[in-house]
Each structure stands twice: as structure tokens, then as C-alpha cells.
Amino acid sequence: MHRRWEAFRVESKEEKDLLLTAKKSKLFQFKTQLDVFLPNNKGEVPDFKVKGGYGESSCSILLGDSNAMLAQIVLE
């Protein structure tokens, strides 16, 4: 598995307080892309996908493995 980050409720590391897990979509990538999994998702398809980043002036949040955009952040 690629490098993985886990987000917990403030000051907790307990499994019951896990909010989400994020990992790089691909081992090697030119643009930032993260797969985001909610705690009850034990499958391979992410709940959300985050594309973009600080150096790219925008960030998109997509639903699952689709191109359905839920939100977009644009640096002004």
C-alpha cells in the first residue's frame, strides 16, 4: 500500500474516533491525487478523490472513482 494518512477526532488515536483515511492514488504521480476512505469503507473504491493542490492553484473533490465534482477550491 502507498503511504497512508489517518485523521482522528482531536487528541485521539482510537479506532472509534477515526474520521477518514487518505492515500496517494498512484505510487508515482505528477499531479497531487488522493483517495479518501471513510471508516466504514473496507473496499478498494474510495468515497472521495481529491485532485490538485497548493502548487496547482485549485483543488477538486470528486465523488468516489467518478468525475462527479462535489466541491472545488480555487486560489485567488
PDB file of N, CA and C in Angstrom:
ATOM      1  N   MET A   1       0.850  -1.186   0.000  1.00  0.00           N
ATOM      2  CA  MET A   1       0.000   0.000   0.000  1.00  0.00           C
ATOM      3  C   MET A   1       0.888   1.239   0.000  1.00  0.00           C
ATOM      4  N   HIS A   2       0.436   2.252  -0.716  1.00  0.00           N
ATOM      5  CA  HIS A   2       1.163   3.515  -0.754  1.00  0.00           C
ATOM      6  C   HIS A   2       1.085   4.175   0.619  1.00  0.00           C
ATOM      7  N   ARG A   3       1.850   5.215   0.804  1.00  0.00           N
ATOM      8  CA  ARG A   3       1.823   5.936   2.074  1.00  0.00           C
ATOM      9  C   ARG A   3       0.385   6.335   2.413  1.00  0.00           C
ATOM     10  N   ARG A   4       0.027   6.185   3.691  1.00  0.00           N
ATOM     11  CA  ARG A   4      -1.352   6.392   4.119  1.00  0.00           C
ATOM     12  C   ARG A   4      -1.398   7.342   5.315  1.00  0.00           C
ATOM     13  N   TRP A   5      -2.413   8.205   5.333  1.00  0.00           N
ATOM     14  CA  TRP A   5      -2.636   9.122   6.447  1.00  0.00           C
ATOM     15  C   TRP A   5      -3.979   8.794   7.073  1.00  0.00           C
ATOM     16  N   GLU A   6      -4.049   8.874   8.401  1.00  0.00           N
ATOM     17  CA  GLU A   6      -5.300   8.659   9.113  1.00  0.00           C
ATOM     18  C   GLU A   6      -5.646   9.928   9.882  1.00  0.00           C
ATOM     19  N   ALA A   7      -6.900  10.354   9.818  1.00  0.00           N
ATOM     20  CA  ALA A   7      -7.368  11.537  10.545  1.00  0.00           C
ATOM     21  C   ALA A   7      -8.329  11.081  11.643  1.00  0.00           C
ATOM     22  N   PHE A   8      -8.038  11.516  12.869  1.00  0.00           N
ATOM     23  CA  PHE A   8      -8.850  11.165  14.031  1.00  0.00           C
ATOM     24  C   PHE A   8      -9.472  12.415  14.633  1.00  0.00           C
ATOM     25  N   ARG A   9     -10.487  12.215  15.461  1.00  0.00           N
ATOM     26  CA  ARG A   9     -11.030  13.326  16.250  1.00  0.00           C
ATOM     27  C   ARG A   9      -9.897  13.880  17.113  1.00  0.00           C
ATOM     28  N   VAL A  10     -10.010  15.129  17.512  1.00  0.00           N
ATOM     29  CA  VAL A  10      -8.966  15.822  18.268  1.00  0.00           C
ATOM     30  C   VAL A  10      -8.454  14.984  19.442  1.00  0.00           C
ATOM     31  N   GLU A  11      -7.131  14.905  19.546  1.00  0.00           N
ATOM     32  CA  GLU A  11      -6.424  14.250  20.653  1.00  0.00           C
ATOM     33  C   GLU A  11      -6.821  12.789  20.851  1.00  0.00           C
ATOM     34  N   SER A  12      -7.051  12.066  19.785  1.00  0.00           N
ATOM     35  CA  SER A  12      -7.394  10.650  19.882  1.00  0.00           C
ATOM     36  C   SER A  12      -6.655   9.867  18.809  1.00  0.00           C
ATOM     37  N   LYS A  13      -6.385   8.612  19.102  1.00  0.00           N
ATOM     38  CA  LYS A  13      -5.830   7.681  18.118  1.00  0.00           C
ATOM     39  C   LYS A  13      -6.630   6.378  18.139  1.00  0.00           C
ATOM     40  N   GLU A  14      -7.791   6.423  18.802  1.00  0.00           N
ATOM     41  CA  GLU A  14      -8.620   5.229  18.925  1.00  0.00           C
ATOM     42  C   GLU A  14      -9.399   4.983  17.639  1.00  0.00           C
ATOM     43  N   GLU A  15      -9.546   3.714  17.305  1.00  0.00           N
ATOM     44  CA  GLU A  15     -10.235   3.313  16.074  1.00  0.00           C
ATOM     45  C   GLU A  15     -11.642   3.908  15.990  1.00  0.00           C
ATOM     46  N   LYS A  16     -12.341   4.008  17.121  1.00  0.00           N
ATOM     47  CA  LYS A  16     -13.708   4.549  17.128  1.00  0.00           C
ATOM     48  C   LYS A  16     -13.745   6.033  16.771  1.00  0.00           C
ATOM     49  N   ASP A  17     -12.609   6.722  16.864  1.00  0.00           N
ATOM     50  CA  ASP A  17     -12.534   8.150  16.561  1.00  0.00           C
ATOM     51  C   ASP A  17     -11.930   8.445  15.187  1.00  0.00           C
ATOM     52  N   LEU A  18     -11.723   7.397  14.383  1.00  0.00           N
ATOM     53  CA  LEU A  18     -11.187   7.578  13.032  1.00  0.00           C
ATOM     54  C   LEU A  18     -12.217   8.292  12.161  1.00  0.00           C
ATOM     55  N   LEU A  19     -11.812   9.388  11.522  1.00  0.00           N
ATOM     56  CA  LEU A  19     -12.702  10.153  10.639  1.00  0.00           C
ATOM     57  C   LEU A  19     -12.533   9.749   9.189  1.00  0.00           C
ATOM     58  N   LEU A  20     -11.277   9.563   8.754  1.00  0.00           N
ATOM     59  CA  LEU A  20     -11.012   9.181   7.371  1.00  0.00           C
ATOM     60  C   LEU A  20      -9.585   8.691   7.226  1.00  0.00           C
ATOM     61  N   THR A  21      -9.351   7.981   6.136  1.00  0.00           N
ATOM     62  CA  THR A  21      -8.020   7.538   5.741  1.00  0.00           C
ATOM     63  C   THR A  21      -7.783   8.058   4.333  1.00  0.00           C
ATOM     64  N   ALA A  22      -6.590   8.576   4.088  1.00  0.00           N
ATOM     65  CA  ALA A  22      -6.252   9.076   2.748  1.00  0.00           C
ATOM     66  C   ALA A  22      -4.939   8.450   2.309  1.00  0.00           C
ATOM     67  N   LYS A  23      -4.835   8.163   1.015  1.00  0.00           N
ATOM     68  CA  LYS A  23      -3.585   7.632   0.467  1.00  0.00           C
ATOM     69  C   LYS A  23      -3.409   8.154  -0.947  1.00  0.00           C
ATOM     70  N   LYS A  24      -2.177   8.171  -1.414  1.00  0.00           N
ATOM     71  CA  LYS A  24      -1.918   8.569  -2.796  1.00  0.00           C
ATOM     72  C   LYS A  24      -2.633   7.601  -3.724  1.00  0.00           C
ATOM     73  N   SER A  25      -3.234   8.137  -4.780  1.00  0.00           N
ATOM     74  CA  SER A  25      -3.950   7.292  -5.733  1.00  0.00           C
ATOM     75  C   SER A  25      -3.004   6.374  -6.494  1.00  0.00           C
ATOM     76  N   LYS A  26      -1.816   6.877  -6.781  1.00  0.00           N
ATOM     77  CA  LYS A  26      -0.806   6.113  -7.508  1.00  0.00           C
ATOM     78  C   LYS A  26       0.533   6.316  -6.824  1.00  0.00           C
ATOM     79  N   LEU A  27       1.409   5.333  -6.929  1.00  0.00           N
ATOM     80  CA  LEU A  27       2.722   5.429  -6.308  1.00  0.00           C
ATOM     81  C   LEU A  27       3.511   6.590  -6.895  1.00  0.00           C
ATOM     82  N   PHE A  28       3.507   6.705  -8.224  1.00  0.00           N
ATOM     83  CA  PHE A  28       4.193   7.803  -8.906  1.00  0.00           C
ATOM     84  C   PHE A  28       3.146   8.674  -9.587  1.00  0.00           C
ATOM     85  N   GLN A  29       3.170   9.968  -9.298  1.00  0.00           N
ATOM     86  CA  GLN A  29       2.198  10.870  -9.907  1.00  0.00           C
ATOM     87  C   GLN A  29       2.811  12.247 -10.091  1.00  0.00           C
ATOM     88  N   PHE A  30       2.411  12.905 -11.174  1.00  0.00           N
ATOM     89  CA  PHE A  30       2.904  14.243 -11.470  1.00  0.00           C
ATOM     90  C   PHE A  30       2.028  15.308 -10.811  1.00  0.00           C
ATOM     91  N   LYS A  31       0.736  15.031 -10.688  1.00  0.00           N
ATOM     92  CA  LYS A  31      -0.193  15.943 -10.019  1.00  0.00           C
ATOM     93  C   LYS A  31      -0.697  15.268  -8.749  1.00  0.00           C
ATOM     94  N   THR A  32      -0.970  16.074  -7.745  1.00  0.00           N
ATOM     95  CA  THR A  32      -1.454  15.539  -6.478  1.00  0.00           C
ATOM     96  C   THR A  32      -2.833  14.910  -6.657  1.00  0.00           C
ATOM     97  N   GLN A  33      -2.967  13.685  -6.187  1.00  0.00           N
ATOM     98  CA  GLN A  33      -4.251  12.991  -6.230  1.00  0.00           C
ATOM     99  C   GLN A  33      -4.312  12.035  -5.044  1.00  0.00           C
ATOM    100  N   LEU A  34      -5.328  12.204  -4.196  1.00  0.00           N
ATOM    101  CA  LEU A  34      -5.501  11.358  -3.020  1.00  0.00           C
ATOM    102  C   LEU A  34      -6.831  10.633  -3.079  1.00  0.00           C
ATOM    103  N   ASP A  35      -6.839   9.388  -2.622  1.00  0.00           N
ATOM    104  CA  ASP A  35      -8.071   8.633  -2.428  1.00  0.00           C
ATOM    105  C   ASP A  35      -8.442   8.770  -0.959  1.00  0.00           C
ATOM    106  N   VAL A  36      -9.698   9.091  -0.682  1.00  0.00           N
ATOM    107  CA  VAL A  36     -10.161   9.290   0.691  1.00  0.00           C
ATOM    108  C   VAL A  36     -11.220   8.235   1.010  1.00  0.00           C
ATOM    109  N   PHE A  37     -11.009   7.529   2.118  1.00  0.00           N
ATOM    110  CA  PHE A  37     -11.909   6.459   2.547  1.00  0.00           C
ATOM    111  C   PHE A  37     -12.511   6.808   3.902  1.00  0.00           C
ATOM    112  N   LEU A  38     -13.827   6.702   4.020  1.00  0.00           N
ATOM    113  CA  LEU A  38     -14.487   6.875   5.308  1.00  0.00           C
ATOM    114  C   LEU A  38     -14.313   5.586   6.109  1.00  0.00           C
ATOM    115  N   PRO A  39     -14.437   5.638   7.439  1.00  0.00           N
ATOM    116  CA  PRO A  39     -14.121   4.479   8.284  1.00  0.00           C
ATOM    117  C   PRO A  39     -14.862   3.189   7.944  1.00  0.00           C
ATOM    118  N   ASN A  40     -16.111   3.256   7.513  1.00  0.00           N
ATOM    119  CA  ASN A  40     -16.868   2.030   7.224  1.00  0.00           C
ATOM    120  C   ASN A  40     -16.579   1.455   5.842  1.00  0.00           C
ATOM    121  N   ASN A  41     -15.762   2.115   5.035  1.00  0.00           N
ATOM    122  CA  ASN A  41     -15.425   1.639   3.689  1.00  0.00           C
ATOM    123  C   ASN A  41     -14.194   0.743   3.767  1.00  0.00           C
ATOM    124  N   LYS A  42     -14.391  -0.552   3.578  1.00  0.00           N
ATOM    125  CA  LYS A  42     -13.287  -1.521   3.618  1.00  0.00           C
ATOM    126  C   LYS A  42     -12.906  -1.983   2.210  1.00  0.00           C
ATOM    127  N   GLY A  43     -13.508  -1.376   1.188  1.00  0.00           N
ATOM    128  CA  GLY A  43     -13.265  -1.775  -0.194  1.00  0.00           C
ATOM    129  C   GLY A  43     -12.102  -1.048  -0.835  1.00  0.00           C
ATOM    130  N   GLU A  44     -11.994  -1.206  -2.144  1.00  0.00           N
ATOM    131  CA  GLU A  44     -10.921  -0.599  -2.930  1.00  0.00           C
ATOM    132  C   GLU A  44     -11.320   0.736  -3.549  1.00  0.00           C
ATOM    133  N   VAL A  45     -12.633   0.983  -3.689  1.00  0.00           N
ATOM    134  CA  VAL A  45     -13.118   2.216  -4.314  1.00  0.00           C
ATOM    135  C   VAL A  45     -13.245   3.293  -3.235  1.00  0.00           C
ATOM    136  N   PRO A  46     -12.586   4.443  -3.428  1.00  0.00           N
ATOM    137  CA  PRO A  46     -12.635   5.497  -2.408  1.00  0.00           C
ATOM    138  C   PRO A  46     -14.014   6.157  -2.339  1.00  0.00           C
ATOM    139  N   ASP A  47     -14.310   6.754  -1.188  1.00  0.00           N
ATOM    140  CA  ASP A  47     -15.541   7.533  -1.039  1.00  0.00           C
ATOM    141  C   ASP A  47     -15.408   8.863  -1.768  1.00  0.00           C
ATOM    142  N   PHE A  48     -14.204   9.429  -1.723  1.00  0.00           N
ATOM    143  CA  PHE A  48     -13.906  10.708  -2.374  1.00  0.00           C
ATOM    144  C   PHE A  48     -12.523  10.645  -2.992  1.00  0.00           C
ATOM    145  N   LYS A  49     -12.289  11.506  -3.958  1.00  0.00           N
ATOM    146  CA  LYS A  49     -10.968  11.656  -4.562  1.00  0.00           C
ATOM    147  C   LYS A  49     -10.654  13.147  -4.543  1.00  0.00           C
ATOM    148  N   VAL A  50      -9.446  13.503  -4.117  1.00  0.00           N
ATOM    149  CA  VAL A  50      -9.007  14.896  -4.085  1.00  0.00           C
ATOM    150  C   VAL A  50      -7.926  15.055  -5.142  1.00  0.00           C
ATOM    151  N   LYS A  51      -8.141  15.994  -6.075  1.00  0.00           N
ATOM    152  CA  LYS A  51      -7.171  16.254  -7.144  1.00  0.00           C
ATOM    153  C   LYS A  51      -6.731  17.706  -7.071  1.00  0.00           C
ATOM    154  N   GLY A  52      -5.451  17.936  -7.270  1.00  0.00           N
ATOM    155  CA  GLY A  52      -4.914  19.295  -7.247  1.00  0.00           C
ATOM    156  C   GLY A  52      -4.122  19.517  -5.983  1.00  0.00           C
ATOM    157  N   GLY A  53      -3.815  20.772  -5.713  1.00  0.00           N
ATOM    158  CA  GLY A  53      -3.053  21.064  -4.518  1.00  0.00           C
ATOM    159  C   GLY A  53      -2.534  22.479  -4.510  1.00  0.00           C
ATOM    160  N   TYR A  54      -1.735  22.773  -3.517  1.00  0.00           N
ATOM    161  CA  TYR A  54      -1.231  24.126  -3.285  1.00  0.00           C
ATOM    162  C   TYR A  54      -0.526  24.703  -4.512  1.00  0.00           C
ATOM    163  N   GLY A  55       0.350  23.950  -5.131  1.00  0.00           N
ATOM    164  CA  GLY A  55       1.112  24.436  -6.281  1.00  0.00           C
ATOM    165  C   GLY A  55       0.315  24.518  -7.569  1.00  0.00           C
ATOM    166  N   GLU A  56      -0.896  24.005  -7.564  1.00  0.00           N
ATOM    167  CA  GLU A  56      -1.712  23.956  -8.777  1.00  0.00           C
ATOM    168  C   GLU A  56      -2.839  24.982  -8.777  1.00  0.00           C
ATOM    169  N   SER A  57      -2.944  25.796  -7.774  1.00  0.00           N
ATOM    170  CA  SER A  57      -3.907  26.897  -7.615  1.00  0.00           C
ATOM    171  C   SER A  57      -5.376  26.472  -7.524  1.00  0.00           C
ATOM    172  N   SER A  58      -5.655  25.180  -7.557  1.00  0.00           N
ATOM    173  CA  SER A  58      -7.025  24.718  -7.336  1.00  0.00           C
ATOM    174  C   SER A  58      -7.015  23.276  -6.842  1.00  0.00           C
ATOM    175  N   CYS A  59      -8.118  22.898  -6.244  1.00  0.00           N
ATOM    176  CA  CYS A  59      -8.269  21.554  -5.697  1.00  0.00           C
ATOM    177  C   CYS A  59      -9.716  21.131  -5.928  1.00  0.00           C
ATOM    178  N   SER A  60      -9.921  19.933  -6.446  1.00  0.00           N
ATOM    179  CA  SER A  60     -11.270  19.423  -6.701  1.00  0.00           C
ATOM    180  C   SER A  60     -11.529  18.203  -5.833  1.00  0.00           C
ATOM    181  N   ILE A  61     -12.740  18.102  -5.321  1.00  0.00           N
ATOM    182  CA  ILE A  61     -13.156  16.940  -4.544  1.00  0.00           C
ATOM    183  C   ILE A  61     -14.220  16.222  -5.357  1.00  0.00           C
ATOM    184  N   LEU A  62     -13.925  14.971  -5.709  1.00  0.00           N
ATOM    185  CA  LEU A  62     -14.795  14.182  -6.578  1.00  0.00           C
ATOM    186  C   LEU A  62     -15.449  13.054  -5.795  1.00  0.00           C
ATOM    187  N   LEU A  63     -16.612  12.613  -6.243  1.00  0.00           N
ATOM    188  CA  LEU A  63     -17.331  11.522  -5.609  1.00  0.00           C
ATOM    189  C   LEU A  63     -16.759  10.190  -6.067  1.00  0.00           C
ATOM    190  N   GLY A  64     -16.281   9.396  -5.128  1.00  0.00           N
ATOM    191  CA  GLY A  64     -15.766   8.061  -5.417  1.00  0.00           C
ATOM    192  C   GLY A  64     -14.733   8.045  -6.515  1.00  0.00           C
ATOM    193  N   ASP A  65     -14.872   7.095  -7.418  1.00  0.00           N
ATOM    194  CA  ASP A  65     -13.945   6.947  -8.544  1.00  0.00           C
ATOM    195  C   ASP A  65     -14.488   7.635  -9.796  1.00  0.00           C
ATOM    196  N   SER A  66     -15.498   8.496  -9.640  1.00  0.00           N
ATOM    197  CA  SER A  66     -16.136   9.148 -10.787  1.00  0.00           C
ATOM    198  C   SER A  66     -15.532  10.524 -11.037  1.00  0.00           C
ATOM    199  N   ASN A  67     -16.061  11.205 -12.023  1.00  0.00           N
ATOM    200  CA  ASN A  67     -15.671  12.589 -12.299  1.00  0.00           C
ATOM    201  C   ASN A  67     -16.736  13.568 -11.810  1.00  0.00           C
ATOM    202  N   ALA A  68     -17.657  13.094 -10.954  1.00  0.00           N
ATOM    203  CA  ALA A  68     -18.708  13.951 -10.410  1.00  0.00           C
ATOM    204  C   ALA A  68     -18.105  14.846  -9.324  1.00  0.00           C
ATOM    205  N   MET A  69     -17.992  16.144  -9.632  1.00  0.00           N
ATOM    206  CA  MET A  69     -17.357  17.077  -8.714  1.00  0.00           C
ATOM    207  C   MET A  69     -18.327  17.486  -7.608  1.00  0.00           C
ATOM    208  N   LEU A  70     -17.868  17.354  -6.360  1.00  0.00           N
ATOM    209  CA  LEU A  70     -18.663  17.758  -5.202  1.00  0.00           C
ATOM    210  C   LEU A  70     -18.312  19.168  -4.755  1.00  0.00           C
ATOM    211  N   ALA A  71     -17.025  19.519  -4.873  1.00  0.00           N
ATOM    212  CA  ALA A  71     -16.569  20.842  -4.432  1.00  0.00           C
ATOM    213  C   ALA A  71     -15.274  21.184  -5.149  1.00  0.00           C
ATOM    214  N   GLN A  72     -14.993  22.484  -5.202  1.00  0.00           N
ATOM    215  CA  GLN A  72     -13.739  22.952  -5.794  1.00  0.00           C
ATOM    216  C   GLN A  72     -13.235  24.140  -4.984  1.00  0.00           C
ATOM    217  N   ILE A  73     -11.951  24.135  -4.718  1.00  0.00           N
ATOM    218  CA  ILE A  73     -11.290  25.231  -4.013  1.00  0.00           C
ATOM    219  C   ILE A  73     -10.361  25.894  -5.012  1.00  0.00           C
ATOM    220  N   VAL A  74     -10.476  27.219  -5.167  1.00  0.00           N
ATOM    221  CA  VAL A  74      -9.650  27.949  -6.131  1.00  0.00           C
ATOM    222  C   VAL A  74      -8.894  29.046  -5.399  1.00  0.00           C
ATOM    223  N   LEU A  75      -7.593  29.084  -5.604  1.00  0.00           N
ATOM    224  CA  LEU A  75      -6.748  30.124  -5.023  1.00  0.00           C
ATOM    225  C   LEU A  75      -6.921  31.401  -5.821  1.00  0.00           C
ATOM    226  N   GLU A  76      -7.225  32.493  -5.145  1.00  0.00           N
ATOM    227  CA  GLU A  76      -7.424  33.775  -5.840  1.00  0.00           C
ATOM    228  C   GLU A  76      -6.232  34.677  -5.640  1.00  0.00           C
TER     229      GLU A  76
END
